[in-house]
Amino acid sequence: MLEVRDLRAGYGGSRVLFGVDLSIRRGQVVTLLGRNGMGKTTTVWSIMGDLRRSGSILFEGREISGLSSYQVCQAGIGLVPEGRRIFPNLTVRENLVVTAANRELVADPWTLDKVVSLFPSLVPRLDNYGNQLSGGEQQMLAIGRALMTNPKLLILDEATEGLAPKIRGEIWSCLERLKAMGQSILVIDKNIANVTRIADYHYVLRKGSIVWKGTSSQLLGAPAIQKEHLGI
């Protein structure tokens, strides 16, 4: 579904990515792991078209490296960004419906009712503004907002960062349900126990380069990689 080859990007005159390669098959959950400042978010923004970059980004066989961010979204990639970035002056209901789209005419698309059934905690908050929500509720809303675009690929940057343990558990349960539904997902997170339980494949990033890749069982069997690159 997604093939990234020799991706190079940075900010101004500072290079951050040095030839990143990664791929995601349809229905897979894949992670991008690494300590802070290694280039994970830069990789996400490069895929989404928000940074000047070089290299190849193929999405369903189509080169998208020259597209702008809104065109990447229209192509079928949904983003849950780091920091959530929900609309604070819109209600929960408005945050969800404002992004609603079914460009591929999916037979059973994501709707408001379907999203709140995934996140029932949002039901009593539908008429509250975005800035009135807790951090966990904002993260649920950000995921729901991305799902309302009916993405073929969902990207979550720091999926559970800063959330209470109970809310983190709800987010991981949500991702398990999405995987069972066949949703392709790229997730960035630091919780090795959960990512190795849910994800099919992992890439470890260090100083803008992929230094390790493998399955969950391979990652769990590589304590040296975890200690050296993931801070465990």
Protein backbone atom coordinates (compact mmCIF):
# COMPACT_ATOMS: atom_id res chain seq x y z
CA MET A 1 0.00 0.00 0.00
CA LEU A 2 2.73 2.48 0.98
CA GLU A 3 6.31 2.30 -0.28
CA VAL A 4 8.79 4.92 0.94
CA ARG A 5 12.21 4.80 -0.70
CA ASP A 6 15.32 6.91 -0.04
CA LEU A 7 13.30 9.61 1.76
CA ARG A 8 15.42 12.65 2.61
CA ALA A 9 14.05 15.76 4.30
CA GLY A 10 14.82 18.47 6.81
CA TYR A 11 14.12 21.99 7.98
CA GLY A 12 15.84 24.90 6.29
CA GLY A 13 19.47 23.93 5.82
CA SER A 14 19.33 21.17 8.44
CA ARG A 15 18.94 17.61 7.14
CA VAL A 16 16.92 15.27 9.40
CA LEU A 17 16.17 12.20 7.25
CA PHE A 18 18.92 10.35 5.42
CA GLY A 19 17.42 7.86 3.00
CA VAL A 20 14.52 6.32 4.95
CA ASP A 21 12.95 3.17 3.47
CA LEU A 22 9.74 1.60 4.78
CA SER A 23 6.68 -0.17 3.46
CA ILE A 24 3.17 -1.02 4.64
CA ARG A 25 0.97 -3.70 3.12
CA ARG A 26 -2.82 -3.47 3.02
CA GLY A 27 -4.31 -4.45 6.38
CA GLN A 28 -0.97 -4.26 8.21
CA VAL A 29 -0.20 -2.39 11.41
CA VAL A 30 3.36 -1.07 11.22
CA THR A 31 5.28 1.00 13.76
CA LEU A 32 8.01 3.60 13.48
CA LEU A 33 10.04 3.53 16.70
CA GLY A 34 12.93 5.48 18.16
CA ARG A 35 13.90 7.96 20.81
CA ASN A 36 12.77 11.60 20.66
CA GLY A 37 14.48 13.68 18.00
CA MET A 38 15.34 10.76 15.71
CA GLY A 39 13.09 11.89 12.83
CA LYS A 40 9.82 10.02 13.36
CA THR A 41 7.53 13.05 13.10
CA THR A 42 9.63 14.42 10.24
CA THR A 43 8.97 11.15 8.39
CA VAL A 44 5.23 11.55 8.98
CA TRP A 45 5.14 15.16 7.80
CA SER A 46 7.20 14.21 4.76
CA ILE A 47 4.72 11.49 3.82
CA MET A 48 1.86 13.94 4.33
CA GLY A 49 3.44 16.50 1.98
CA ASP A 50 4.16 19.19 4.56
CA LEU A 51 7.94 19.23 4.09
CA ARG A 52 10.20 19.61 1.10
CA ARG A 53 11.77 16.23 0.50
CA SER A 54 13.40 13.98 -2.04
CA GLY A 55 12.96 10.30 -2.70
CA SER A 56 9.95 8.23 -3.71
CA ILE A 57 6.64 7.84 -1.87
CA LEU A 58 4.29 5.41 -3.60
CA PHE A 59 0.74 5.04 -2.32
CA GLU A 60 -1.21 2.25 -3.98
CA GLY A 61 1.30 2.36 -6.82
CA ARG A 62 0.91 6.12 -7.35
CA GLU A 63 3.78 8.54 -6.77
CA ILE A 64 2.57 11.10 -4.23
CA SER A 65 5.85 12.78 -3.31
CA GLY A 66 4.92 15.82 -5.39
CA LEU A 67 1.48 16.29 -3.88
CA SER A 68 0.46 18.91 -1.34
CA SER A 69 -0.90 17.86 2.06
CA TYR A 70 -4.58 18.18 1.16
CA GLN A 71 -4.02 16.09 -1.97
CA VAL A 72 -2.30 13.39 0.11
CA CYS A 73 -5.34 13.35 2.40
CA GLN A 74 -7.66 13.13 -0.60
CA ALA A 75 -5.60 10.19 -1.89
CA GLY A 76 -6.62 8.27 1.23
CA ILE A 77 -4.14 8.90 4.04
CA GLY A 78 -5.60 10.07 7.35
CA LEU A 79 -3.42 11.62 10.06
CA VAL A 80 -3.80 11.80 13.83
CA PRO A 81 -1.01 14.31 14.49
CA GLU A 82 1.16 14.68 17.53
CA GLY A 83 -0.58 17.13 19.85
CA ARG A 84 -4.02 16.17 18.39
CA ARG A 85 -4.67 19.60 16.81
CA ILE A 86 -8.42 19.43 17.07
CA PHE A 87 -10.46 22.57 16.39
CA PRO A 88 -10.90 24.18 19.85
CA ASN A 89 -13.74 26.49 18.81
CA LEU A 90 -15.86 23.73 17.23
CA THR A 91 -17.99 21.23 19.11
CA VAL A 92 -17.13 17.54 19.12
CA ARG A 93 -19.94 16.95 16.63
CA GLU A 94 -18.65 19.73 14.36
CA ASN A 95 -15.05 18.48 14.60
CA LEU A 96 -16.23 15.11 13.30
CA VAL A 97 -18.59 16.13 10.53
CA VAL A 98 -16.35 18.88 9.14
CA THR A 99 -13.88 16.30 7.81
CA ALA A 100 -16.44 13.71 6.68
CA ALA A 101 -15.79 12.32 3.20
CA ASN A 102 -16.38 9.08 1.33
CA ARG A 103 -14.49 9.65 -1.90
CA GLU A 104 -14.13 5.94 -2.64
CA LEU A 105 -17.85 5.31 -2.02
CA VAL A 106 -17.14 2.77 0.70
CA ALA A 107 -20.18 0.56 1.28
CA ASP A 108 -20.05 0.94 5.07
CA PRO A 109 -18.31 4.27 5.66
CA TRP A 110 -17.37 5.89 8.93
CA THR A 111 -20.19 8.09 10.19
CA LEU A 112 -20.82 10.10 13.34
CA ASP A 113 -22.78 7.24 14.87
CA LYS A 114 -20.08 4.71 14.00
CA VAL A 115 -17.32 6.86 15.52
CA VAL A 116 -19.17 7.43 18.80
CA SER A 117 -19.89 3.70 19.01
CA LEU A 118 -16.10 3.23 18.87
CA PHE A 119 -15.63 5.96 21.48
CA PRO A 120 -18.78 6.02 23.65
CA SER A 121 -17.10 8.48 26.04
CA LEU A 122 -17.66 11.14 23.37
CA VAL A 123 -21.46 10.72 23.35
CA PRO A 124 -22.19 13.06 26.30
CA ARG A 125 -19.59 15.51 24.98
CA LEU A 126 -20.96 15.97 21.45
CA ASP A 127 -22.05 19.54 22.12
CA ASN A 128 -18.93 20.52 24.07
CA TYR A 129 -16.20 22.53 22.39
CA GLY A 130 -12.86 20.97 21.62
CA ASN A 131 -11.07 23.03 24.25
CA GLN A 132 -13.44 21.71 26.94
CA LEU A 133 -12.26 18.10 26.53
CA SER A 134 -9.66 16.21 28.52
CA GLY A 135 -6.48 15.08 26.79
CA GLY A 136 -7.83 11.57 26.39
CA GLU A 137 -11.11 12.80 24.94
CA GLN A 138 -9.20 15.03 22.54
CA GLN A 139 -7.17 12.03 21.35
CA MET A 140 -10.33 10.01 20.78
CA LEU A 141 -11.77 12.94 18.86
CA ALA A 142 -8.61 13.27 16.76
CA ILE A 143 -8.78 9.58 15.83
CA GLY A 144 -12.49 9.85 15.07
CA ARG A 145 -11.92 12.94 12.94
CA ALA A 146 -9.32 11.09 10.87
CA LEU A 147 -11.61 8.06 10.50
CA MET A 148 -14.40 10.31 9.20
CA THR A 149 -12.29 10.83 6.08
CA ASN A 150 -12.55 7.05 5.50
CA PRO A 151 -8.78 6.67 5.07
CA LYS A 152 -7.16 3.71 3.38
CA LEU A 153 -4.12 4.29 5.61
CA LEU A 154 -4.32 5.78 9.10
CA ILE A 155 -1.20 7.37 10.63
CA LEU A 156 -1.02 8.04 14.38
CA ASP A 157 1.90 10.14 15.62
CA GLU A 158 2.52 9.54 19.35
CA ALA A 159 -0.73 7.64 19.74
CA THR A 160 -0.85 7.55 23.55
CA GLU A 161 1.70 10.15 24.68
CA GLY A 162 0.73 11.96 27.89
CA LEU A 163 -2.48 10.00 28.45
CA ALA A 164 -3.64 8.36 31.67
CA PRO A 165 -3.17 4.56 31.81
CA LYS A 166 -6.93 3.87 31.49
CA ILE A 167 -7.20 6.08 28.39
CA ARG A 168 -4.09 4.51 26.88
CA GLY A 169 -5.77 1.14 27.29
CA GLU A 170 -8.87 2.42 25.46
CA ILE A 171 -6.75 3.72 22.58
CA TRP A 172 -4.93 0.38 22.21
CA SER A 173 -8.27 -1.43 22.28
CA CYS A 174 -9.47 0.91 19.55
CA LEU A 175 -6.44 0.13 17.40
CA GLU A 176 -7.03 -3.59 17.89
CA ARG A 177 -10.60 -3.19 16.67
CA LEU A 178 -9.47 -1.16 13.67
CA LYS A 179 -6.90 -3.82 12.79
CA ALA A 180 -9.58 -6.51 13.01
CA MET A 181 -11.63 -4.44 10.57
CA GLY A 182 -8.74 -4.48 8.09
CA GLN A 183 -7.58 -0.89 8.57
CA SER A 184 -3.97 -0.27 7.50
CA ILE A 185 -2.16 1.70 10.22
CA LEU A 186 1.23 3.34 10.78
CA VAL A 187 1.70 4.11 14.45
CA ILE A 188 4.38 5.94 16.40
CA ASP A 189 4.47 5.16 20.11
CA LYS A 190 6.89 4.25 22.89
CA ASN A 191 4.95 1.43 24.57
CA ILE A 192 6.81 -1.66 23.40
CA ALA A 193 4.47 -4.08 25.17
CA ASN A 194 1.46 -2.80 23.26
CA VAL A 195 3.04 -2.16 19.88
CA THR A 196 4.54 -5.66 19.80
CA ARG A 197 1.15 -7.09 20.75
CA ILE A 198 -0.74 -5.27 18.02
CA ALA A 199 1.68 -4.49 15.19
CA ASP A 200 2.88 -6.82 12.44
CA TYR A 201 6.17 -5.12 11.67
CA HIS A 202 8.48 -2.49 13.14
CA TYR A 203 11.07 0.02 11.92
CA VAL A 204 13.57 1.60 14.31
CA LEU A 205 14.82 5.06 13.43
CA ARG A 206 18.08 6.58 14.68
CA LYS A 207 19.37 9.99 13.60
CA GLY A 208 17.25 9.96 10.46
CA SER A 209 18.08 6.45 9.26
CA ILE A 210 16.42 3.06 9.68
CA VAL A 211 18.81 0.98 11.80
CA TRP A 212 16.64 -2.07 12.42
CA LYS A 213 13.43 -3.67 11.11
CA GLY A 214 11.58 -6.84 11.92
CA THR A 215 8.52 -8.56 13.34
CA SER A 216 7.19 -8.30 16.89
CA SER A 217 8.74 -11.62 17.90
CA GLN A 218 12.08 -10.49 16.48
CA LEU A 219 11.90 -7.19 18.38
CA LEU A 220 11.00 -8.90 21.64
CA GLY A 221 13.95 -11.22 21.09
CA ALA A 222 16.36 -8.31 20.57
CA PRO A 223 16.85 -6.70 24.01
CA ALA A 224 20.06 -5.02 22.80
CA ILE A 225 18.12 -3.16 20.10
CA GLN A 226 15.51 -2.09 22.65
CA LYS A 227 18.14 -0.85 25.09
CA GLU A 228 20.29 0.95 22.54
CA HIS A 229 17.62 2.58 20.39
CA LEU A 230 14.37 2.62 22.38
CA GLY A 231 15.58 3.57 25.83
CA ILE A 232 14.42 0.37 27.49
